[in-house]
């Protein structure tokens, strides 16, 4: 399924809430990068809502890790929330969970900025 990227309203101007649905894989990487990286480059932190994300492969995971590193260099953050069990298993298998900030839901992720 194609990746859909939707910006939702956020509780703060400098925090962008991005809802992802579909598959974040090799086919979707360019679109993901074109839409998400500029948000960070303009000085925003990003919350990626995985609630409807069905699939994430190693390329998508690498892109999220790179985005996280890029944001940290600018003093910003990338948070993930609503990560399903399948994707959590992928994070565990490739041992990247320790590099990611993952929250139960959007409200919990937004609470970090309070």
Protein backbone atom coordinates (compact mmCIF):
# COMPACT_ATOMS: atom_id res chain seq x y z
CA UNK A 1 0.00 0.00 0.00
CA UNK A 2 1.31 3.45 -0.87
CA UNK A 3 2.48 5.69 1.93
CA UNK A 4 0.20 8.56 2.87
CA UNK A 5 1.68 11.47 4.82
CA UNK A 6 -0.73 13.85 6.52
CA UNK A 7 0.19 16.82 8.66
CA UNK A 8 -2.23 17.14 11.58
CA UNK A 9 -2.74 20.11 13.81
CA UNK A 10 -0.32 20.21 16.72
CA UNK A 11 -0.37 21.77 20.14
CA UNK A 12 2.69 23.87 19.30
CA UNK A 13 3.83 25.81 16.25
CA UNK A 14 7.36 24.35 16.36
CA UNK A 15 6.19 20.72 16.65
CA UNK A 16 4.77 19.04 13.56
CA UNK A 17 2.47 16.05 13.98
CA UNK A 18 2.70 13.75 10.98
CA UNK A 19 0.28 10.86 10.53
CA UNK A 20 1.66 8.01 8.40
CA UNK A 21 -0.45 5.31 6.80
CA UNK A 22 0.45 2.53 4.40
CA UNK A 23 3.98 1.29 3.81
CA UNK A 24 7.25 3.09 4.54
CA UNK A 25 9.52 1.17 2.22
CA UNK A 26 11.96 1.73 -0.63
CA UNK A 27 9.20 3.00 -2.94
CA UNK A 28 8.09 5.64 -0.42
CA UNK A 29 11.47 6.92 0.78
CA UNK A 30 11.79 9.81 -1.66
CA UNK A 31 8.31 11.13 -0.88
CA UNK A 32 8.92 10.75 2.86
CA UNK A 33 12.24 12.61 2.65
CA UNK A 34 10.80 15.38 0.45
CA UNK A 35 7.98 16.06 2.92
CA UNK A 36 9.55 15.45 6.33
CA UNK A 37 13.16 16.69 6.11
CA UNK A 38 12.16 20.28 5.25
CA UNK A 39 10.08 20.43 8.43
CA UNK A 40 13.17 19.66 10.51
CA UNK A 41 15.38 21.95 8.44
CA UNK A 42 12.94 24.82 9.17
CA UNK A 43 13.49 24.29 12.90
CA UNK A 44 10.62 22.01 13.84
CA UNK A 45 10.53 18.91 15.99
CA UNK A 46 8.45 16.09 14.51
CA UNK A 47 6.08 13.53 15.99
CA UNK A 48 5.54 10.62 13.60
CA UNK A 49 2.22 8.92 14.30
CA UNK A 50 2.51 5.29 13.19
CA UNK A 51 -1.09 4.41 14.08
CA UNK A 52 -1.97 3.39 10.50
CA UNK A 53 1.51 2.48 9.28
CA UNK A 54 1.22 -1.09 8.03
CA UNK A 55 4.78 -1.86 7.03
CA UNK A 56 8.29 -0.57 7.61
CA UNK A 57 11.35 -2.14 6.01
CA UNK A 58 15.03 -1.61 6.78
CA UNK A 59 15.23 1.29 4.29
CA UNK A 60 12.38 3.07 6.06
CA UNK A 61 13.98 2.38 9.41
CA UNK A 62 17.30 3.79 8.20
CA UNK A 63 15.50 6.92 6.98
CA UNK A 64 13.89 7.44 10.40
CA UNK A 65 17.25 6.99 12.13
CA UNK A 66 18.86 9.50 9.76
CA UNK A 67 16.01 11.96 10.29
CA UNK A 68 16.42 11.60 14.06
CA UNK A 69 20.17 12.30 13.83
CA UNK A 70 19.59 15.29 11.55
CA UNK A 71 17.05 16.75 13.98
CA UNK A 72 19.36 16.24 16.96
CA UNK A 73 22.14 18.17 15.19
CA UNK A 74 19.72 21.10 14.95
CA UNK A 75 18.63 20.80 18.58
CA UNK A 76 15.26 19.29 17.61
CA UNK A 77 13.59 15.93 18.18
CA UNK A 78 11.83 13.18 16.27
CA UNK A 79 9.37 11.14 18.30
CA UNK A 80 7.42 8.08 17.21
CA UNK A 81 4.05 7.08 18.64
CA UNK A 82 1.36 4.45 18.17
CA UNK A 83 3.95 1.94 16.97
CA UNK A 84 2.31 -1.43 16.36
CA UNK A 85 3.68 -4.76 17.52
CA UNK A 86 4.99 -5.77 14.07
CA UNK A 87 7.07 -2.62 13.74
CA UNK A 88 8.29 -2.91 17.34
CA UNK A 89 9.52 -6.39 16.42
CA UNK A 90 11.42 -4.97 13.45
CA UNK A 91 13.04 -2.40 15.75
CA UNK A 92 14.03 -5.20 18.13
CA UNK A 93 15.45 -7.48 15.42
CA UNK A 94 17.66 -4.77 13.96
CA UNK A 95 18.42 -3.41 17.44
CA UNK A 96 17.55 0.25 16.85
CA UNK A 97 14.97 0.85 19.58
CA UNK A 98 17.64 2.39 21.83
CA UNK A 99 18.19 5.18 19.27
CA UNK A 100 14.51 6.09 18.95
CA UNK A 101 12.11 7.98 21.20
CA UNK A 102 8.89 5.96 21.12
CA UNK A 103 5.72 6.93 22.97
CA UNK A 104 2.44 5.12 23.54
CA UNK A 105 0.28 7.70 21.78
CA UNK A 106 0.19 11.25 20.42
CA UNK A 107 -0.83 12.76 23.76
CA UNK A 108 2.16 11.22 25.53
CA UNK A 109 4.56 12.39 22.80
CA UNK A 110 3.15 15.91 22.90
CA UNK A 111 3.48 15.92 26.69
CA UNK A 112 7.26 15.89 26.37
CA UNK A 113 7.07 19.44 24.99
CA UNK A 114 4.96 20.79 27.86
